[in-house]
C-alpha atoms as a PDB file:
ATOM      1  CA  UNK A   1     -16.480   4.633  18.473  1.00  0.00           C
ATOM      2  CA  UNK A   2     -15.242   8.052  17.309  1.00  0.00           C
ATOM      3  CA  UNK A   3     -15.435   8.402  13.558  1.00  0.00           C
ATOM      4  CA  UNK A   4     -12.083   8.719  11.837  1.00  0.00           C
ATOM      5  CA  UNK A   5     -12.087  12.005   9.860  1.00  0.00           C
ATOM      6  CA  UNK A   6      -8.428  11.955   8.691  1.00  0.00           C
ATOM      7  CA  UNK A   7      -7.553  10.702   5.147  1.00  0.00           C
ATOM      8  CA  UNK A   8      -4.162   9.058   5.829  1.00  0.00           C
ATOM      9  CA  UNK A   9      -2.847   6.548   8.374  1.00  0.00           C
ATOM     10  CA  UNK A  10       0.771   6.389   9.511  1.00  0.00           C
ATOM     11  CA  UNK A  11       1.764   2.777  10.411  1.00  0.00           C
ATOM     12  CA  UNK A  12       3.238   2.680  13.874  1.00  0.00           C
ATOM     13  CA  UNK A  13       3.025  -1.124  14.492  1.00  0.00           C
ATOM     14  CA  UNK A  14       3.167  -3.972  12.017  1.00  0.00           C
ATOM     15  CA  UNK A  15       3.069  -6.830  14.571  1.00  0.00           C
ATOM     16  CA  UNK A  16       1.498  -9.964  12.925  1.00  0.00           C
ATOM     17  CA  UNK A  17       1.490  -8.092   9.554  1.00  0.00           C
ATOM     18  CA  UNK A  18       5.204  -7.727   8.702  1.00  0.00           C
ATOM     19  CA  UNK A  19       4.556  -8.570   5.076  1.00  0.00           C
ATOM     20  CA  UNK A  20       1.492  -6.332   4.752  1.00  0.00           C
ATOM     21  CA  UNK A  21       2.437  -3.025   6.706  1.00  0.00           C
ATOM     22  CA  UNK A  22       5.614  -1.027   6.825  1.00  0.00           C
ATOM     23  CA  UNK A  23       6.172   0.923  10.051  1.00  0.00           C
ATOM     24  CA  UNK A  24       6.619   4.600   9.137  1.00  0.00           C
ATOM     25  CA  UNK A  25       4.785   4.429   5.919  1.00  0.00           C
ATOM     26  CA  UNK A  26       1.748   6.529   5.141  1.00  0.00           C
ATOM     27  CA  UNK A  27      -1.267   4.723   3.757  1.00  0.00           C
ATOM     28  CA  UNK A  28      -4.368   6.335   2.326  1.00  0.00           C
ATOM     29  CA  UNK A  29      -7.623   5.355   4.105  1.00  0.00           C
ATOM     30  CA  UNK A  30     -10.482   4.054   2.087  1.00  0.00           C
ATOM     31  CA  UNK A  31     -13.918   4.818   3.336  1.00  0.00           C
ATOM     32  CA  UNK A  32     -15.594   1.838   5.192  1.00  0.00           C
ATOM     33  CA  UNK A  33     -18.130   3.022   7.774  1.00  0.00           C
ATOM     34  CA  UNK A  34     -19.055  -0.432   8.742  1.00  0.00           C
ATOM     35  CA  UNK A  35     -15.395  -1.385   9.498  1.00  0.00           C
ATOM     36  CA  UNK A  36     -14.959   1.740  11.453  1.00  0.00           C
ATOM     37  CA  UNK A  37     -17.791   0.721  13.846  1.00  0.00           C
ATOM     38  CA  UNK A  38     -15.587  -2.238  14.827  1.00  0.00           C
ATOM     39  CA  UNK A  39     -12.377  -0.113  15.219  1.00  0.00           C
ATOM     40  CA  UNK A  40     -10.986  -1.226  11.865  1.00  0.00           C
ATOM     41  CA  UNK A  41      -9.694   0.786   8.895  1.00  0.00           C
ATOM     42  CA  UNK A  42      -9.421  -0.221   5.249  1.00  0.00           C
ATOM     43  CA  UNK A  43      -6.202   0.532   3.457  1.00  0.00           C
ATOM     44  CA  UNK A  44      -4.363  -0.763   0.382  1.00  0.00           C
ATOM     45  CA  UNK A  45      -1.510  -2.724   1.900  1.00  0.00           C
ATOM     46  CA  UNK A  46       1.824  -3.921   0.496  1.00  0.00           C
ATOM     47  CA  UNK A  47       0.117  -6.679  -1.504  1.00  0.00           C
ATOM     48  CA  UNK A  48      -1.655  -3.941  -3.550  1.00  0.00           C
ATOM     49  CA  UNK A  49      -5.076  -5.125  -2.265  1.00  0.00           C
ATOM     50  CA  UNK A  50      -7.346  -3.441   0.214  1.00  0.00           C
ATOM     51  CA  UNK A  51      -7.658  -5.040   3.619  1.00  0.00           C
ATOM     52  CA  UNK A  52      -8.951  -4.292   7.147  1.00  0.00           C
ATOM     53  CA  UNK A  53      -6.543  -3.615   9.934  1.00  0.00           C
ATOM     54  CA  UNK A  54      -7.197  -2.676  13.490  1.00  0.00           C
ATOM     55  CA  UNK A  55      -6.842   1.066  14.073  1.00  0.00           C
ATOM     56  CA  UNK A  56      -4.241   0.482  16.856  1.00  0.00           C
ATOM     57  CA  UNK A  57      -1.600  -0.121  14.141  1.00  0.00           C
ATOM     58  CA  UNK A  58      -1.878   3.461  13.007  1.00  0.00           C
ATOM     59  CA  UNK A  59      -2.021   7.089  13.892  1.00  0.00           C
ATOM     60  CA  UNK A  60      -4.288   9.225  11.753  1.00  0.00           C
ATOM     61  CA  UNK A  61      -3.006  12.197   9.925  1.00  0.00           C
ATOM     62  CA  UNK A  62      -4.002  14.761   7.292  1.00  0.00           C
ATOM     63  CA  UNK A  63      -1.806  16.810   4.960  1.00  0.00           C
ATOM     64  CA  UNK A  64      -2.196  20.011   2.962  1.00  0.00           C
ATOM     65  CA  UNK A  65      -3.868  19.494  -0.455  1.00  0.00           C
ATOM     66  CA  UNK A  66      -0.606  19.762  -2.459  1.00  0.00           C
ATOM     67  CA  UNK A  67       0.920  16.888  -0.278  1.00  0.00           C
ATOM     68  CA  UNK A  68      -2.228  14.843  -0.653  1.00  0.00           C
ATOM     69  CA  UNK A  69      -2.036  15.141  -4.405  1.00  0.00           C
ATOM     70  CA  UNK A  70       1.692  14.119  -4.419  1.00  0.00           C
ATOM     71  CA  UNK A  71       0.900  11.143  -2.193  1.00  0.00           C
ATOM     72  CA  UNK A  72      -1.829   9.984  -4.574  1.00  0.00           C
ATOM     73  CA  UNK A  73       0.584  10.335  -7.486  1.00  0.00           C
ATOM     74  CA  UNK A  74       3.207   8.272  -5.739  1.00  0.00           C
ATOM     75  CA  UNK A  75       0.665   5.673  -4.827  1.00  0.00           C
ATOM     76  CA  UNK A  76      -0.480   5.457  -8.551  1.00  0.00           C
ATOM     77  CA  UNK A  77       3.149   5.227  -9.673  1.00  0.00           C
ATOM     78  CA  UNK A  78       3.767   2.403  -7.153  1.00  0.00           C
ATOM     79  CA  UNK A  79       0.647   0.497  -8.364  1.00  0.00           C
ATOM     80  CA  UNK A  80       1.960   0.727 -11.927  1.00  0.00           C
ATOM     81  CA  UNK A  81       5.342  -0.848 -10.902  1.00  0.00           C
ATOM     82  CA  UNK A  82       3.655  -3.731  -9.277  1.00  0.00           C
ATOM     83  CA  UNK A  83       1.754  -4.666 -12.445  1.00  0.00           C
ATOM     84  CA  UNK A  84       3.415  -6.839 -15.075  1.00  0.00           C
ATOM     85  CA  UNK A  85       3.393  -6.214 -18.766  1.00  0.00           C
ATOM     86  CA  UNK A  86       0.582  -7.898 -20.559  1.00  0.00           C
END
């Protein structure tokens, strides 16, 4: 298996994962060398939790540093919206 070196995954197929993945959405990849050996990637899905998905659901991309920073900011803001007030 070729190691995935990109930092982001663009969902191209959410078959069987309609509630977890949104086609066309960019997800940040989390490092998981063990999963990669079995052709899986770890991402934070729409539930807000990290899960493994087969790599065939994605194409892998990278962005310039400024865009990566903005994507992380958007991800953090979205995580904050999903939390309830305590």
